[in-house]
Amino acid sequence: MLIRSNDVALREFDASLAEVVYQIRNHPTVREYLRTSAPISRESHLAWVKENLIAERRLRLFVVFAADAPVGLALLRNFRGQSAEIGLMMVEARRRRLVCYKAALLIGHLGFEVLELEKLFSYVPRHNEHALSFDLRCGFERTGRDSETYFELALSRERSRAHATHQRFRAKYAIEISSG
């Protein structure tokens, strides 16, 4: 599956993207905001890919391309009933604010409008104030169920459809979805 809005595209994971995903997951500007900032070994990465993306497809992972260059990852995982967790990892995110914005709204569009989920949860590491601010500006609301490590935020499909940020996005940027 390919989800595109102008120069930003989300390409669903296939085995040919394993090395690209490895490079993005290990980029210092991505690692600094994860729970564990230590580099991921190639063996560990390949085991994770096999277990989560090939054997059981536990998550929907997309590589984010900006101007045809891979720059991040967007995902939906931990599906429970009509909800899932949303995630975004972007190389040099502060330099790519518009790409982050488009990628986040495209993966949200997939969740709400294609998969027909009712709610998306975002778990933001407590040390990532930029991601917390970003999520809040995109309509997510704090749930009050934070952990020692993460802020928990949620966005409903109804709120997503009505939120000014999402309405402006849909009015300005066309969304195209294709099989590949």
Foldseek 3Di string as FASTA:
>chain_A
DWKDWVQKIWAWDDPVCLVVVLCLCQAQQQLVFDPHSDRDDPVNSVVCCCVCPNPPVQKTKTFMGGNNHGFWIWIWGPDDPLETEIDIGGHVCVVVVVSRLVRRLRVVCCSCVVVNRFKYKYWGFPVCVVVVVVVVLQPWDFPPPHDPTTTITMDGSVSNVVPPSNVVCVVPIPMDDDPD
